Amino acid sequence: MTRSSLPDLILEPLVRNALMEDIGSYGDITTRTVIPAGTRYQARLNAREDAVVSGMQVAELSFRLVDPSLVITRHSADGDRCRKGETLMEIRGDAASILTGERVALNLAGRLTGIATQTAAFVDKTKGTKARITCTRKTTPGLRIVEKQAVLHGGGFNHRYSLSDAILIKDNHIAAAGGVRAVLQATKAQVSHMMKVEIEVDRLDQLSEVLEVGGADVVLLDNMDPEMLREAVSMVDGQMVTEASGNVTLETVGMIAATGVDYISSGALTHSYRTIDLGLDF
């Protein structure tokens, strides 16, 4: 996945389902009751706080699926930084159509902007180091593609998108399969040379065994304090990509990055963000 826009064809089912959920069986009965047919208006989608923008593509798609005749002008692109009070998008046309698409557009854009803003805050804490901030699969069911895109808009990177992207051997795999050596030997015997392999360790003796057996491209250093992380990075000495995970917060991420790890993964980017306040003003 890249920071550029995704094809609308991919996003349309997601947005359409959200619209169907909101419109319900009988449509927007409030708007249909109180707004005279043919009323035309101009609305502005405004930021009500400073943020890193994401979700403009899906917000625009929300309005276009309701009414393709609406004239939409974006003033901010996904990935831009905005200030409180800034207009991100203008929508002109049938007032009823604008009102019908409003909530889905704001729900998606507010949440995605929240993810991008949180990601940017993490990235800012790691400046001056080589560490890259990456998300996980701890995403909202059905929204993974746009939530991972929002991480990119915030300056972060994506971990695997699904279970089928790469082999990630976690602690439960190791326990069920009989240990570090067993899982790595099984991997070397069966896996294509085109498939990346990552293995999780939370102790240095496990890391020593990984280095001895080989077969992994990335090692996930889980829940290690900064001192242990530095030792682990020194042990690896460039033989594998290093990734730190566990207890990653805005308060700890700078210290983790300073240990020399290549990547820092955090589920908080997509499960503990704060929705940014965006409003549609007529």
C-alpha atoms as a PDB file:
ATOM      1  CA  MET A   1       0.000   0.000   0.000  1.00  0.00           C
ATOM      2  CA  THR A   2       1.259   3.510  -0.808  1.00  0.00           C
ATOM      3  CA  ARG A   3       0.432   6.987   0.453  1.00  0.00           C
ATOM      4  CA  SER A   4      -1.289   7.844  -2.829  1.00  0.00           C
ATOM      5  CA  SER A   5      -5.054   7.536  -3.213  1.00  0.00           C
ATOM      6  CA  LEU A   6      -6.576   4.105  -3.557  1.00  0.00           C
ATOM      7  CA  PRO A   7      -8.868   3.381  -6.527  1.00  0.00           C
ATOM      8  CA  ASP A   8     -12.460   4.379  -5.735  1.00  0.00           C
ATOM      9  CA  LEU A   9     -13.484   0.926  -6.970  1.00  0.00           C
ATOM     10  CA  ILE A  10     -11.783  -0.612  -3.916  1.00  0.00           C
ATOM     11  CA  LEU A  11     -13.274   1.848  -1.430  1.00  0.00           C
ATOM     12  CA  GLU A  12     -16.790   2.002  -2.854  1.00  0.00           C
ATOM     13  CA  PRO A  13     -18.163  -1.185  -1.168  1.00  0.00           C
ATOM     14  CA  LEU A  14     -16.942   0.034   2.244  1.00  0.00           C
ATOM     15  CA  VAL A  15     -18.521   3.472   1.840  1.00  0.00           C
ATOM     16  CA  ARG A  16     -21.691   2.088   0.270  1.00  0.00           C
ATOM     17  CA  ASN A  17     -22.230  -0.275   3.217  1.00  0.00           C
ATOM     18  CA  ALA A  18     -21.814   2.620   5.642  1.00  0.00           C
ATOM     19  CA  LEU A  19     -24.354   4.681   3.699  1.00  0.00           C
ATOM     20  CA  MET A  20     -26.852   1.831   3.596  1.00  0.00           C
ATOM     21  CA  GLU A  21     -26.502   1.387   7.352  1.00  0.00           C
ATOM     22  CA  ASP A  22     -27.167   5.098   7.944  1.00  0.00           C
ATOM     23  CA  ILE A  23     -29.879   5.691   5.349  1.00  0.00           C
ATOM     24  CA  GLY A  24     -31.861   2.655   6.497  1.00  0.00           C
ATOM     25  CA  SER A  25     -34.983   1.251   4.888  1.00  0.00           C
ATOM     26  CA  TYR A  26     -36.796   4.513   4.251  1.00  0.00           C
ATOM     27  CA  GLY A  27     -34.087   7.064   3.569  1.00  0.00           C
ATOM     28  CA  ASP A  28     -33.463  10.390   5.295  1.00  0.00           C
ATOM     29  CA  ILE A  29     -37.007  11.090   6.439  1.00  0.00           C
ATOM     30  CA  THR A  30     -36.056  14.275   8.302  1.00  0.00           C
ATOM     31  CA  THR A  31     -34.507  15.899   5.253  1.00  0.00           C
ATOM     32  CA  ARG A  32     -37.303  14.672   3.007  1.00  0.00           C
ATOM     33  CA  THR A  33     -39.864  16.198   5.374  1.00  0.00           C
ATOM     34  CA  VAL A  34     -38.391  19.641   6.017  1.00  0.00           C
ATOM     35  CA  ILE A  35     -36.230  20.532   2.996  1.00  0.00           C
ATOM     36  CA  PRO A  36     -38.166  21.627  -0.093  1.00  0.00           C
ATOM     37  CA  ALA A  37     -37.323  19.597  -3.183  1.00  0.00           C
ATOM     38  CA  GLY A  38     -34.748  21.273  -5.381  1.00  0.00           C
ATOM     39  CA  THR A  39     -33.159  23.347  -2.609  1.00  0.00           C
ATOM     40  CA  ARG A  40     -29.514  23.989  -3.428  1.00  0.00           C
ATOM     41  CA  TYR A  41     -26.810  24.852  -0.962  1.00  0.00           C
ATOM     42  CA  GLN A  42     -23.077  25.051  -0.353  1.00  0.00           C
ATOM     43  CA  ALA A  43     -21.477  23.315   2.628  1.00  0.00           C
ATOM     44  CA  ARG A  44     -17.959  23.365   4.005  1.00  0.00           C
ATOM     45  CA  LEU A  45     -16.228  20.509   5.767  1.00  0.00           C
ATOM     46  CA  ASN A  46     -14.172  22.294   8.414  1.00  0.00           C
ATOM     47  CA  ALA A  47     -11.503  21.188  10.889  1.00  0.00           C
ATOM     48  CA  ARG A  48     -12.372  22.159  14.424  1.00  0.00           C
ATOM     49  CA  GLU A  49      -8.885  21.407  15.735  1.00  0.00           C
ATOM     50  CA  ASP A  50      -5.315  21.089  14.445  1.00  0.00           C
ATOM     51  CA  ALA A  51      -4.726  17.715  12.807  1.00  0.00           C
ATOM     52  CA  VAL A  52      -3.130  15.618  10.075  1.00  0.00           C
ATOM     53  CA  VAL A  53      -5.776  15.065   7.425  1.00  0.00           C
ATOM     54  CA  SER A  54      -6.975  11.662   6.266  1.00  0.00           C
ATOM     55  CA  GLY A  55     -10.250  10.367   4.863  1.00  0.00           C
ATOM     56  CA  MET A  56     -10.867  13.091   2.303  1.00  0.00           C
ATOM     57  CA  GLN A  57     -11.128  10.496  -0.444  1.00  0.00           C
ATOM     58  CA  VAL A  58     -13.763   8.462   1.402  1.00  0.00           C
ATOM     59  CA  ALA A  59     -15.616  11.603   2.491  1.00  0.00           C
ATOM     60  CA  GLU A  60     -15.872  12.752  -1.114  1.00  0.00           C
ATOM     61  CA  LEU A  61     -16.971   9.278  -2.157  1.00  0.00           C
ATOM     62  CA  SER A  62     -19.705   9.351   0.516  1.00  0.00           C
ATOM     63  CA  PHE A  63     -21.256  12.406  -1.108  1.00  0.00           C
ATOM     64  CA  ARG A  64     -20.754  11.206  -4.696  1.00  0.00           C
ATOM     65  CA  LEU A  65     -22.464   7.871  -4.051  1.00  0.00           C
ATOM     66  CA  VAL A  66     -25.491   9.730  -2.713  1.00  0.00           C
ATOM     67  CA  ASP A  67     -25.552  12.191  -5.628  1.00  0.00           C
ATOM     68  CA  PRO A  68     -23.008  12.162  -8.477  1.00  0.00           C
ATOM     69  CA  SER A  69     -24.118  15.668  -9.517  1.00  0.00           C
ATOM     70  CA  LEU A  70     -22.687  17.295  -6.388  1.00  0.00           C
ATOM     71  CA  VAL A  71     -19.735  19.601  -7.087  1.00  0.00           C
ATOM     72  CA  ILE A  72     -16.943  18.812  -4.647  1.00  0.00           C
ATOM     73  CA  THR A  73     -13.746  20.797  -4.197  1.00  0.00           C
ATOM     74  CA  ARG A  74     -11.003  19.516  -1.935  1.00  0.00           C
ATOM     75  CA  HIS A  75      -8.849  22.161  -0.262  1.00  0.00           C
ATOM     76  CA  SER A  76      -6.699  19.687   1.688  1.00  0.00           C
ATOM     77  CA  ALA A  77      -5.209  16.402   0.552  1.00  0.00           C
ATOM     78  CA  ASP A  78      -4.840  13.304   2.668  1.00  0.00           C
ATOM     79  CA  GLY A  79      -1.571  13.659   4.564  1.00  0.00           C
ATOM     80  CA  ASP A  80      -1.708  17.463   4.840  1.00  0.00           C
ATOM     81  CA  ARG A  81      -1.478  19.190   8.201  1.00  0.00           C
ATOM     82  CA  CYS A  82      -4.416  21.507   8.907  1.00  0.00           C
ATOM     83  CA  ARG A  83      -5.216  24.173  11.454  1.00  0.00           C
ATOM     84  CA  LYS A  84      -8.337  24.685  13.525  1.00  0.00           C
ATOM     85  CA  GLY A  85     -11.000  26.445  11.443  1.00  0.00           C
ATOM     86  CA  GLU A  86      -9.490  25.453   8.099  1.00  0.00           C
ATOM     87  CA  THR A  87     -11.869  24.379   5.312  1.00  0.00           C
ATOM     88  CA  LEU A  88     -10.885  20.949   4.011  1.00  0.00           C
ATOM     89  CA  MET A  89     -13.616  20.473   1.405  1.00  0.00           C
ATOM     90  CA  GLU A  90     -16.542  22.320  -0.183  1.00  0.00           C
ATOM     91  CA  ILE A  91     -19.681  20.590  -1.422  1.00  0.00           C
ATOM     92  CA  ARG A  92     -22.207  22.365  -3.645  1.00  0.00           C
ATOM     93  CA  GLY A  93     -25.509  21.148  -4.992  1.00  0.00           C
ATOM     94  CA  ASP A  94     -28.735  19.563  -3.786  1.00  0.00           C
ATOM     95  CA  ALA A  95     -29.136  20.282  -0.045  1.00  0.00           C
ATOM     96  CA  ALA A  96     -30.921  16.996   0.633  1.00  0.00           C
ATOM     97  CA  SER A  97     -28.084  15.013  -0.929  1.00  0.00           C
ATOM     98  CA  ILE A  98     -25.467  16.854   1.117  1.00  0.00           C
ATOM     99  CA  LEU A  99     -27.377  16.226   4.348  1.00  0.00           C
ATOM    100  CA  THR A 100     -27.882  12.553   3.536  1.00  0.00           C
ATOM    101  CA  GLY A 101     -24.161  11.938   3.018  1.00  0.00           C
ATOM    102  CA  GLU A 102     -22.992  14.159   5.861  1.00  0.00           C
ATOM    103  CA  ARG A 103     -22.749  11.714   8.779  1.00  0.00           C
ATOM    104  CA  VAL A 104     -20.943   8.919   6.949  1.00  0.00           C
ATOM    105  CA  ALA A 105     -18.458  11.400   5.490  1.00  0.00           C
ATOM    106  CA  LEU A 106     -17.752  12.943   8.899  1.00  0.00           C
ATOM    107  CA  ASN A 107     -17.611   9.609  10.733  1.00  0.00           C
ATOM    108  CA  LEU A 108     -15.029   8.172   8.361  1.00  0.00           C
ATOM    109  CA  ALA A 109     -12.968  11.335   7.907  1.00  0.00           C
ATOM    110  CA  GLY A 110     -12.918  12.144  11.631  1.00  0.00           C
ATOM    111  CA  ARG A 111     -11.740   8.680  12.601  1.00  0.00           C
ATOM    112  CA  LEU A 112      -9.132   8.431   9.851  1.00  0.00           C
ATOM    113  CA  THR A 113      -7.832  11.912  10.611  1.00  0.00           C
ATOM    114  CA  GLY A 114      -7.537  10.795  14.238  1.00  0.00           C
ATOM    115  CA  ILE A 115      -5.360   7.845  13.202  1.00  0.00           C
ATOM    116  CA  ALA A 116      -3.183   9.996  10.947  1.00  0.00           C
ATOM    117  CA  THR A 117      -2.784  12.616  13.677  1.00  0.00           C
ATOM    118  CA  GLN A 118      -1.842  10.023  16.298  1.00  0.00           C
ATOM    119  CA  THR A 119       0.627   8.381  13.909  1.00  0.00           C
ATOM    120  CA  ALA A 120       2.265  11.731  13.180  1.00  0.00           C
ATOM    121  CA  ALA A 121       2.700  12.319  16.918  1.00  0.00           C
ATOM    122  CA  PHE A 122       4.514   8.971  17.242  1.00  0.00           C
ATOM    123  CA  VAL A 123       6.676   9.723  14.205  1.00  0.00           C
ATOM    124  CA  ASP A 124       7.613  13.123  15.614  1.00  0.00           C
ATOM    125  CA  LYS A 125       8.907  11.443  18.792  1.00  0.00           C
ATOM    126  CA  THR A 126      11.344   9.300  16.771  1.00  0.00           C
ATOM    127  CA  LYS A 127      12.994  12.081  14.761  1.00  0.00           C
ATOM    128  CA  GLY A 128      16.768  11.779  14.684  1.00  0.00           C
ATOM    129  CA  THR A 129      16.638   7.961  14.799  1.00  0.00           C
ATOM    130  CA  LYS A 130      16.332   5.357  12.034  1.00  0.00           C
ATOM    131  CA  ALA A 131      13.235   3.781  13.575  1.00  0.00           C
ATOM    132  CA  ARG A 132      10.080   3.616  11.492  1.00  0.00           C
ATOM    133  CA  ILE A 133       6.638   3.597  13.114  1.00  0.00           C
ATOM    134  CA  THR A 134       4.349   0.843  11.873  1.00  0.00           C
ATOM    135  CA  CYS A 135       0.795  -0.262  12.608  1.00  0.00           C
ATOM    136  CA  THR A 136      -0.543  -3.765  13.287  1.00  0.00           C
ATOM    137  CA  ARG A 137      -3.646  -5.810  12.406  1.00  0.00           C
ATOM    138  CA  LYS A 138      -5.471  -4.358  15.435  1.00  0.00           C
ATOM    139  CA  THR A 139      -7.884  -2.491  13.190  1.00  0.00           C
ATOM    140  CA  THR A 140     -11.651  -2.019  13.052  1.00  0.00           C
ATOM    141  CA  PRO A 141     -13.205  -5.000  11.214  1.00  0.00           C
ATOM    142  CA  GLY A 142     -14.156  -3.876   7.719  1.00  0.00           C
ATOM    143  CA  LEU A 143     -12.095  -0.680   7.860  1.00  0.00           C
ATOM    144  CA  ARG A 144      -8.553  -2.061   7.730  1.00  0.00           C
ATOM    145  CA  ILE A 145      -7.727  -0.780   4.260  1.00  0.00           C
ATOM    146  CA  VAL A 146      -8.567   2.846   5.091  1.00  0.00           C
ATOM    147  CA  GLU A 147      -7.141   2.714   8.612  1.00  0.00           C
ATOM    148  CA  LYS A 148      -3.809   1.428   7.320  1.00  0.00           C
ATOM    149  CA  GLN A 149      -3.898   4.122   4.651  1.00  0.00           C
ATOM    150  CA  ALA A 150      -4.422   6.707   7.398  1.00  0.00           C
ATOM    151  CA  VAL A 151      -1.262   5.448   9.125  1.00  0.00           C
ATOM    152  CA  LEU A 152       0.626   6.169   5.901  1.00  0.00           C
ATOM    153  CA  HIS A 153      -0.916   9.647   5.751  1.00  0.00           C
ATOM    154  CA  GLY A 154       0.504  10.259   9.242  1.00  0.00           C
ATOM    155  CA  GLY A 155       4.011   9.357   8.112  1.00  0.00           C
ATOM    156  CA  GLY A 156       4.022   5.796   9.423  1.00  0.00           C
ATOM    157  CA  PHE A 157       4.431   2.466   7.672  1.00  0.00           C
ATOM    158  CA  ASN A 158       2.276  -0.633   7.369  1.00  0.00           C
ATOM    159  CA  HIS A 159       2.943  -4.023   8.880  1.00  0.00           C
ATOM    160  CA  ARG A 160       1.387  -7.016   7.100  1.00  0.00           C
ATOM    161  CA  TYR A 161      -2.133  -6.387   5.851  1.00  0.00           C
ATOM    162  CA  SER A 162      -3.500  -9.879   6.520  1.00  0.00           C
ATOM    163  CA  LEU A 163      -2.525 -13.346   7.706  1.00  0.00           C
ATOM    164  CA  SER A 164      -1.584 -14.278   4.137  1.00  0.00           C
ATOM    165  CA  ASP A 165       1.002 -11.511   3.582  1.00  0.00           C
ATOM    166  CA  ALA A 166       3.929 -12.973   5.500  1.00  0.00           C
ATOM    167  CA  ILE A 167       4.839 -15.534   8.136  1.00  0.00           C
ATOM    168  CA  LEU A 168       4.797 -14.051  11.637  1.00  0.00           C
ATOM    169  CA  ILE A 169       5.651 -16.661  14.265  1.00  0.00           C
ATOM    170  CA  LYS A 170       4.264 -15.502  17.618  1.00  0.00           C
ATOM    171  CA  ASP A 171       4.736 -16.895  21.122  1.00  0.00           C
ATOM    172  CA  ASN A 172       1.660 -19.124  20.835  1.00  0.00           C
ATOM    173  CA  HIS A 173       2.971 -20.640  17.602  1.00  0.00           C
ATOM    174  CA  ILE A 174       6.284 -21.381  19.325  1.00  0.00           C
ATOM    175  CA  ALA A 175       4.543 -22.949  22.317  1.00  0.00           C
ATOM    176  CA  ALA A 176       2.215 -25.086  20.202  1.00  0.00           C
ATOM    177  CA  ALA A 177       4.917 -26.220  17.751  1.00  0.00           C
ATOM    178  CA  GLY A 178       7.528 -27.202  20.321  1.00  0.00           C
ATOM    179  CA  GLY A 179       9.949 -24.304  20.535  1.00  0.00           C
ATOM    180  CA  VAL A 180      11.996 -21.813  18.543  1.00  0.00           C
ATOM    181  CA  ARG A 181      14.118 -24.416  16.784  1.00  0.00           C
ATOM    182  CA  ALA A 182      11.076 -26.449  15.729  1.00  0.00           C
ATOM    183  CA  VAL A 183       9.205 -23.542  14.148  1.00  0.00           C
ATOM    184  CA  LEU A 184      12.260 -22.253  12.293  1.00  0.00           C
ATOM    185  CA  GLN A 185      13.170 -25.689  10.976  1.00  0.00           C
ATOM    186  CA  ALA A 186       9.587 -26.198   9.772  1.00  0.00           C
ATOM    187  CA  THR A 187       9.674 -22.792   8.108  1.00  0.00           C
ATOM    188  CA  LYS A 188      12.971 -23.471   6.318  1.00  0.00           C
ATOM    189  CA  ALA A 189      11.652 -26.811   5.075  1.00  0.00           C
ATOM    190  CA  GLN A 190       8.394 -25.506   3.622  1.00  0.00           C
ATOM    191  CA  VAL A 191       8.421 -21.797   2.883  1.00  0.00           C
ATOM    192  CA  SER A 192       9.064 -20.242  -0.522  1.00  0.00           C
ATOM    193  CA  HIS A 193      12.160 -18.092  -0.905  1.00  0.00           C
ATOM    194  CA  MET A 194       9.778 -15.270  -1.848  1.00  0.00           C
ATOM    195  CA  MET A 195       8.054 -15.244   1.566  1.00  0.00           C
ATOM    196  CA  LYS A 196       9.333 -13.087   4.432  1.00  0.00           C
ATOM    197  CA  VAL A 197       9.550 -14.695   7.873  1.00  0.00           C
ATOM    198  CA  GLU A 198       9.359 -12.872  11.216  1.00  0.00           C
ATOM    199  CA  ILE A 199       9.661 -14.478  14.640  1.00  0.00           C
ATOM    200  CA  GLU A 200       8.762 -13.059  18.040  1.00  0.00           C
ATOM    201  CA  VAL A 201      11.047 -13.372  21.065  1.00  0.00           C
ATOM    202  CA  ASP A 202      10.823 -11.851  24.514  1.00  0.00           C
ATOM    203  CA  ARG A 203      14.096 -13.179  25.970  1.00  0.00           C
ATOM    204  CA  LEU A 204      17.699 -12.915  24.875  1.00  0.00           C
ATOM    205  CA  ASP A 205      18.232 -16.680  25.082  1.00  0.00           C
ATOM    206  CA  GLN A 206      15.428 -17.088  22.527  1.00  0.00           C
ATOM    207  CA  LEU A 207      17.140 -14.515  20.316  1.00  0.00           C
ATOM    208  CA  SER A 208      20.412 -16.468  20.568  1.00  0.00           C
ATOM    209  CA  GLU A 209      18.593 -19.594  19.388  1.00  0.00           C
ATOM    210  CA  VAL A 210      17.028 -17.698  16.470  1.00  0.00           C
ATOM    211  CA  LEU A 211      20.462 -16.463  15.400  1.00  0.00           C
ATOM    212  CA  GLU A 212      21.906 -19.959  15.717  1.00  0.00           C
ATOM    213  CA  VAL A 213      19.172 -21.738  13.734  1.00  0.00           C
ATOM    214  CA  GLY A 214      18.556 -19.027  11.119  1.00  0.00           C
ATOM    215  CA  GLY A 215      15.658 -18.860   8.722  1.00  0.00           C
ATOM    216  CA  ALA A 216      14.097 -15.590   9.876  1.00  0.00           C
ATOM    217  CA  ASP A 217      14.268 -12.251   8.076  1.00  0.00           C
ATOM    218  CA  VAL A 218      12.859 -10.140  10.918  1.00  0.00           C
ATOM    219  CA  VAL A 219      12.895 -10.559  14.688  1.00  0.00           C
ATOM    220  CA  LEU A 220      10.095  -9.068  16.786  1.00  0.00           C
ATOM    221  CA  LEU A 221      11.514  -8.000  20.151  1.00  0.00           C
ATOM    222  CA  ASP A 222       8.460  -8.096  22.359  1.00  0.00           C
ATOM    223  CA  ASN A 223       8.006  -6.199  25.628  1.00  0.00           C
ATOM    224  CA  MET A 224      11.718  -5.618  26.190  1.00  0.00           C
ATOM    225  CA  ASP A 225      12.900  -2.632  28.199  1.00  0.00           C
ATOM    226  CA  PRO A 226      15.313  -0.187  26.476  1.00  0.00           C
ATOM    227  CA  GLU A 227      18.412  -1.762  28.033  1.00  0.00           C
ATOM    228  CA  MET A 228      17.462  -5.238  26.797  1.00  0.00           C
ATOM    229  CA  LEU A 229      16.519  -3.833  23.386  1.00  0.00           C
ATOM    230  CA  ARG A 230      19.976  -2.284  23.009  1.00  0.00           C
ATOM    231  CA  GLU A 231      21.581  -5.609  23.841  1.00  0.00           C
ATOM    232  CA  ALA A 232      19.297  -7.420  21.397  1.00  0.00           C
ATOM    233  CA  VAL A 233      20.125  -4.970  18.594  1.00  0.00           C
ATOM    234  CA  SER A 234      23.815  -5.483  19.330  1.00  0.00           C
ATOM    235  CA  MET A 235      23.405  -9.280  19.207  1.00  0.00           C
ATOM    236  CA  VAL A 236      21.581  -9.144  15.875  1.00  0.00           C
ATOM    237  CA  ASP A 237      24.285  -6.861  14.460  1.00  0.00           C
ATOM    238  CA  GLY A 238      22.496  -6.359  11.145  1.00  0.00           C
ATOM    239  CA  GLN A 239      21.793 -10.044  10.479  1.00  0.00           C
ATOM    240  CA  MET A 240      18.038  -9.434  10.578  1.00  0.00           C
ATOM    241  CA  VAL A 241      15.630  -6.545  10.613  1.00  0.00           C
ATOM    242  CA  THR A 242      14.694  -5.663  14.207  1.00  0.00           C
ATOM    243  CA  GLU A 243      11.209  -4.658  15.322  1.00  0.00           C
ATOM    244  CA  ALA A 244      10.203  -3.570  18.830  1.00  0.00           C
ATOM    245  CA  SER A 245       6.679  -4.038  20.089  1.00  0.00           C
ATOM    246  CA  GLY A 246       4.770  -3.966  23.365  1.00  0.00           C
ATOM    247  CA  ASN A 247       4.127  -1.066  25.753  1.00  0.00           C
ATOM    248  CA  VAL A 248       4.700   1.463  22.975  1.00  0.00           C
ATOM    249  CA  THR A 249       3.215   4.827  23.975  1.00  0.00           C
ATOM    250  CA  LEU A 250       3.970   8.455  23.186  1.00  0.00           C
ATOM    251  CA  GLU A 251       5.914   8.524  26.458  1.00  0.00           C
ATOM    252  CA  THR A 252       8.070   5.463  25.655  1.00  0.00           C
ATOM    253  CA  VAL A 253       8.450   5.484  21.873  1.00  0.00           C
ATOM    254  CA  GLY A 254      11.367   7.933  21.854  1.00  0.00           C
ATOM    255  CA  MET A 255      13.381   5.782  24.267  1.00  0.00           C
ATOM    256  CA  ILE A 256      12.594   2.675  22.225  1.00  0.00           C
ATOM    257  CA  ALA A 257      13.695   4.356  18.993  1.00  0.00           C
ATOM    258  CA  ALA A 258      16.987   5.409  20.605  1.00  0.00           C
ATOM    259  CA  THR A 259      17.971   1.739  21.089  1.00  0.00           C
ATOM    260  CA  GLY A 260      18.657   1.390  17.364  1.00  0.00           C
ATOM    261  CA  VAL A 261      15.735  -0.831  16.328  1.00  0.00           C
ATOM    262  CA  ASP A 262      14.604  -0.621  12.710  1.00  0.00           C
ATOM    263  CA  TYR A 263      10.840  -0.643  13.296  1.00  0.00           C
ATOM    264  CA  ILE A 264       8.476   0.041  16.180  1.00  0.00           C
ATOM    265  CA  SER A 265       4.989  -1.438  15.877  1.00  0.00           C
ATOM    266  CA  SER A 266       2.042  -0.183  17.891  1.00  0.00           C
ATOM    267  CA  GLY A 267      -1.579  -1.298  17.882  1.00  0.00           C
ATOM    268  CA  ALA A 268      -2.458   1.997  19.566  1.00  0.00           C
ATOM    269  CA  LEU A 269      -2.241   3.767  16.216  1.00  0.00           C
ATOM    270  CA  THR A 270      -5.486   2.116  15.108  1.00  0.00           C
ATOM    271  CA  HIS A 271      -7.236   1.102  18.331  1.00  0.00           C
ATOM    272  CA  SER A 272      -6.552   3.911  20.801  1.00  0.00           C
ATOM    273  CA  TYR A 273      -6.653   7.070  18.705  1.00  0.00           C
ATOM    274  CA  ARG A 274      -8.994  10.000  19.354  1.00  0.00           C
ATOM    275  CA  THR A 275     -11.469  10.926  16.633  1.00  0.00           C
ATOM    276  CA  ILE A 276     -10.745  14.443  15.340  1.00  0.00           C
ATOM    277  CA  ASP A 277     -13.637  16.907  15.440  1.00  0.00           C
ATOM    278  CA  LEU A 278     -14.676  17.762  11.888  1.00  0.00           C
ATOM    279  CA  GLY A 279     -17.878  19.611  11.079  1.00  0.00           C
ATOM    280  CA  LEU A 280     -20.044  20.269   8.043  1.00  0.00           C
ATOM    281  CA  ASP A 281     -21.231  23.858   8.052  1.00  0.00           C
ATOM    282  CA  PHE A 282     -23.918  25.256   5.713  1.00  0.00           C
END
